[in-house]
Amino acid sequence: MTVYHVIVEREDGWYVARALEDASVFTQGQSLDEITENIREVADLLHGKRDVQVELIIPPAVKPKRRKTTSSRSR
């Protein structure tokens, strides 16, 4: 299994991510879930690595978007 430690930044409303272990593995996305999926896809496409663990490094200045929750209360 390959482990990528991925630094996440925000630019113009997008998350931008790059693996610290391999400069060729980078991507962008609109959510942290999308970043994780994209990193795995890039690792597979560039290097044929399919069993990839992604560990996101999110600096305090990068605030993740909050998920919208729906109330399921019945009256």
N, C-alpha and C. Protein backbone atom coordinates (compact mmCIF):
# COMPACT_ATOMS: atom_id res chain seq x y z
N MET A 1 0.84 -1.18 0.00
CA MET A 1 0.00 0.00 0.00
C MET A 1 0.89 1.24 0.00
N THR A 2 0.49 2.20 -0.78
CA THR A 2 1.18 3.48 -0.85
C THR A 2 0.41 4.50 -0.01
N VAL A 3 1.12 5.29 0.77
CA VAL A 3 0.50 6.35 1.57
C VAL A 3 0.97 7.69 1.03
N TYR A 4 0.01 8.56 0.74
CA TYR A 4 0.34 9.92 0.34
C TYR A 4 -0.15 10.88 1.41
N HIS A 5 0.74 11.74 1.87
CA HIS A 5 0.38 12.84 2.77
C HIS A 5 0.15 14.03 1.86
N VAL A 6 -1.06 14.53 1.88
CA VAL A 6 -1.49 15.53 0.90
C VAL A 6 -1.76 16.86 1.59
N ILE A 7 -1.03 17.88 1.19
CA ILE A 7 -1.24 19.22 1.73
C ILE A 7 -2.37 19.88 0.93
N VAL A 8 -3.31 20.47 1.65
CA VAL A 8 -4.49 21.08 1.03
C VAL A 8 -4.45 22.58 1.23
N GLU A 9 -4.72 23.32 0.16
CA GLU A 9 -4.80 24.78 0.21
C GLU A 9 -6.10 25.21 -0.46
N ARG A 10 -6.47 26.47 -0.29
CA ARG A 10 -7.66 27.02 -0.95
C ARG A 10 -7.22 28.11 -1.91
N GLU A 11 -7.75 28.05 -3.12
CA GLU A 11 -7.49 29.09 -4.12
C GLU A 11 -8.76 29.33 -4.92
N ASP A 12 -9.23 30.55 -4.90
CA ASP A 12 -10.41 30.94 -5.68
C ASP A 12 -11.60 30.02 -5.46
N GLY A 13 -11.82 29.59 -4.20
CA GLY A 13 -12.97 28.76 -3.89
C GLY A 13 -12.76 27.27 -4.14
N TRP A 14 -11.61 26.88 -4.63
CA TRP A 14 -11.29 25.48 -4.89
C TRP A 14 -10.26 24.99 -3.89
N TYR A 15 -10.30 23.69 -3.61
CA TYR A 15 -9.22 23.06 -2.86
C TYR A 15 -8.16 22.64 -3.86
N VAL A 16 -6.92 22.90 -3.52
CA VAL A 16 -5.79 22.50 -4.34
C VAL A 16 -4.95 21.59 -3.45
N ALA A 17 -4.57 20.43 -3.98
CA ALA A 17 -3.88 19.44 -3.16
C ALA A 17 -2.69 18.85 -3.89
N ARG A 18 -1.61 18.58 -3.11
CA ARG A 18 -0.43 17.93 -3.70
C ARG A 18 0.16 16.98 -2.68
N ALA A 19 0.65 15.86 -3.19
CA ALA A 19 1.25 14.86 -2.32
C ALA A 19 2.67 15.28 -1.99
N LEU A 20 3.04 15.20 -0.73
CA LEU A 20 4.38 15.57 -0.31
C LEU A 20 5.42 14.55 -0.80
N GLU A 21 5.00 13.30 -0.97
CA GLU A 21 5.92 12.24 -1.38
C GLU A 21 6.24 12.24 -2.87
N ASP A 22 5.39 12.87 -3.68
CA ASP A 22 5.55 12.81 -5.14
C ASP A 22 4.95 14.06 -5.76
N ALA A 23 5.79 14.94 -6.26
CA ALA A 23 5.34 16.23 -6.80
C ALA A 23 4.44 16.08 -8.03
N SER A 24 4.47 14.91 -8.68
CA SER A 24 3.63 14.72 -9.87
C SER A 24 2.18 14.38 -9.50
N VAL A 25 1.92 14.11 -8.22
CA VAL A 25 0.57 13.78 -7.77
C VAL A 25 -0.06 15.02 -7.15
N PHE A 26 -0.87 15.70 -7.94
CA PHE A 26 -1.57 16.90 -7.47
C PHE A 26 -2.90 17.02 -8.19
N THR A 27 -3.82 17.77 -7.60
CA THR A 27 -5.15 17.89 -8.17
C THR A 27 -5.87 19.08 -7.54
N GLN A 28 -7.10 19.28 -7.96
CA GLN A 28 -7.96 20.28 -7.34
C GLN A 28 -9.36 19.71 -7.29
N GLY A 29 -10.21 20.30 -6.45
CA GLY A 29 -11.58 19.85 -6.33
C GLY A 29 -12.40 20.81 -5.52
N GLN A 30 -13.70 20.57 -5.51
CA GLN A 30 -14.61 21.46 -4.78
C GLN A 30 -14.89 20.99 -3.37
N SER A 31 -14.48 19.76 -3.03
CA SER A 31 -14.67 19.25 -1.67
C SER A 31 -13.48 18.39 -1.28
N LEU A 32 -13.36 18.12 0.00
CA LEU A 32 -12.27 17.27 0.48
C LEU A 32 -12.46 15.83 0.00
N ASP A 33 -13.70 15.38 -0.10
CA ASP A 33 -13.96 14.04 -0.64
C ASP A 33 -13.50 13.95 -2.09
N GLU A 34 -13.78 14.99 -2.86
CA GLU A 34 -13.36 15.01 -4.26
C GLU A 34 -11.83 15.01 -4.38
N ILE A 35 -11.16 15.75 -3.51
CA ILE A 35 -9.69 15.77 -3.48
C ILE A 35 -9.15 14.37 -3.25
N THR A 36 -9.71 13.66 -2.28
CA THR A 36 -9.25 12.32 -1.96
C THR A 36 -9.43 11.38 -3.15
N GLU A 37 -10.59 11.41 -3.77
CA GLU A 37 -10.85 10.58 -4.96
C GLU A 37 -9.89 10.93 -6.08
N ASN A 38 -9.69 12.22 -6.30
CA ASN A 38 -8.81 12.67 -7.40
C ASN A 38 -7.36 12.25 -7.18
N ILE A 39 -6.87 12.34 -5.95
CA ILE A 39 -5.50 11.92 -5.66
C ILE A 39 -5.33 10.44 -5.98
N ARG A 40 -6.31 9.63 -5.58
CA ARG A 40 -6.24 8.19 -5.89
C ARG A 40 -6.25 7.95 -7.40
N GLU A 41 -7.07 8.70 -8.11
CA GLU A 41 -7.14 8.55 -9.57
C GLU A 41 -5.81 8.95 -10.23
N VAL A 42 -5.23 10.04 -9.79
CA VAL A 42 -3.94 10.49 -10.35
C VAL A 42 -2.86 9.45 -10.09
N ALA A 43 -2.81 8.91 -8.87
CA ALA A 43 -1.81 7.89 -8.54
C ALA A 43 -1.96 6.66 -9.43
N ASP A 44 -3.18 6.28 -9.72
CA ASP A 44 -3.44 5.14 -10.59
C ASP A 44 -3.05 5.46 -12.03
N LEU A 45 -3.48 6.61 -12.53
CA LEU A 45 -3.20 6.97 -13.93
C LEU A 45 -1.71 7.17 -14.20
N LEU A 46 -1.02 7.85 -13.31
CA LEU A 46 0.40 8.14 -13.54
C LEU A 46 1.34 6.99 -13.19
N HIS A 47 1.00 6.28 -12.11
CA HIS A 47 1.96 5.31 -11.58
C HIS A 47 1.40 3.89 -11.44
N GLY A 48 0.13 3.68 -11.82
CA GLY A 48 -0.46 2.36 -11.70
C GLY A 48 -0.67 1.90 -10.27
N LYS A 49 -0.74 2.84 -9.34
CA LYS A 49 -0.93 2.52 -7.92
C LYS A 49 -2.42 2.54 -7.61
N ARG A 50 -2.95 1.38 -7.23
CA ARG A 50 -4.39 1.28 -6.96
C ARG A 50 -4.73 1.20 -5.48
N ASP A 51 -3.79 0.75 -4.68
CA ASP A 51 -4.03 0.63 -3.25
C ASP A 51 -3.35 1.81 -2.55
N VAL A 52 -4.06 2.97 -2.55
CA VAL A 52 -3.47 4.21 -2.06
C VAL A 52 -4.26 4.71 -0.84
N GLN A 53 -3.54 5.00 0.21
CA GLN A 53 -4.14 5.65 1.38
C GLN A 53 -3.79 7.12 1.30
N VAL A 54 -4.78 7.98 1.49
CA VAL A 54 -4.59 9.42 1.41
C VAL A 54 -4.81 10.03 2.79
N GLU A 55 -3.81 10.75 3.27
CA GLU A 55 -3.93 11.46 4.54
C GLU A 55 -3.84 12.95 4.25
N LEU A 56 -4.96 13.65 4.44
CA LEU A 56 -5.01 15.08 4.16
C LEU A 56 -4.39 15.88 5.29
N ILE A 57 -3.58 16.84 4.91
CA ILE A 57 -3.00 17.80 5.86
C ILE A 57 -3.68 19.13 5.57
N ILE A 58 -4.50 19.57 6.51
CA ILE A 58 -5.30 20.77 6.30
C ILE A 58 -4.85 21.83 7.30
N PRO A 59 -4.12 22.84 6.82
CA PRO A 59 -3.68 23.91 7.72
C PRO A 59 -4.88 24.64 8.33
N PRO A 60 -4.71 25.21 9.53
CA PRO A 60 -5.81 25.92 10.19
C PRO A 60 -6.43 27.02 9.33
N ALA A 61 -5.65 27.65 8.48
CA ALA A 61 -6.19 28.74 7.64
C ALA A 61 -7.15 28.24 6.57
N VAL A 62 -7.12 26.95 6.28
CA VAL A 62 -8.01 26.37 5.27
C VAL A 62 -9.23 25.83 5.99
N LYS A 63 -10.34 26.48 5.76
CA LYS A 63 -11.56 26.08 6.45
C LYS A 63 -12.41 25.22 5.51
N PRO A 64 -12.63 23.95 5.88
CA PRO A 64 -13.46 23.10 5.04
C PRO A 64 -14.89 23.63 4.96
N LYS A 65 -15.50 23.45 3.79
CA LYS A 65 -16.90 23.83 3.64
C LYS A 65 -17.73 22.94 4.55
N ARG A 66 -18.70 23.55 5.18
CA ARG A 66 -19.59 22.77 6.02
C ARG A 66 -20.63 22.09 5.15
N ARG A 67 -20.91 20.85 5.50
CA ARG A 67 -21.95 20.12 4.77
C ARG A 67 -23.31 20.63 5.20
N LYS A 68 -24.20 20.73 4.25
CA LYS A 68 -25.57 21.13 4.57
C LYS A 68 -26.28 19.94 5.17
N THR A 69 -26.96 20.18 6.27
CA THR A 69 -27.71 19.09 6.90
C THR A 69 -29.18 19.40 6.74
N THR A 70 -29.95 18.34 6.63
CA THR A 70 -31.39 18.50 6.52
C THR A 70 -32.01 17.93 7.76
N SER A 71 -33.01 18.58 8.24
CA SER A 71 -33.70 18.13 9.42
C SER A 71 -34.73 17.09 9.03
N SER A 72 -34.79 16.00 9.77
CA SER A 72 -35.75 14.95 9.48
C SER A 72 -36.82 14.89 10.57
N ARG A 73 -37.02 16.00 11.23
CA ARG A 73 -38.04 16.05 12.28
C ARG A 73 -39.43 15.96 11.67
N SER A 74 -40.26 15.15 12.27
CA SER A 74 -41.66 15.10 11.83
C SER A 74 -42.52 15.69 12.91
N ARG A 75 -43.56 16.37 12.52
CA ARG A 75 -44.46 17.03 13.49
C ARG A 75 -45.78 16.35 13.51
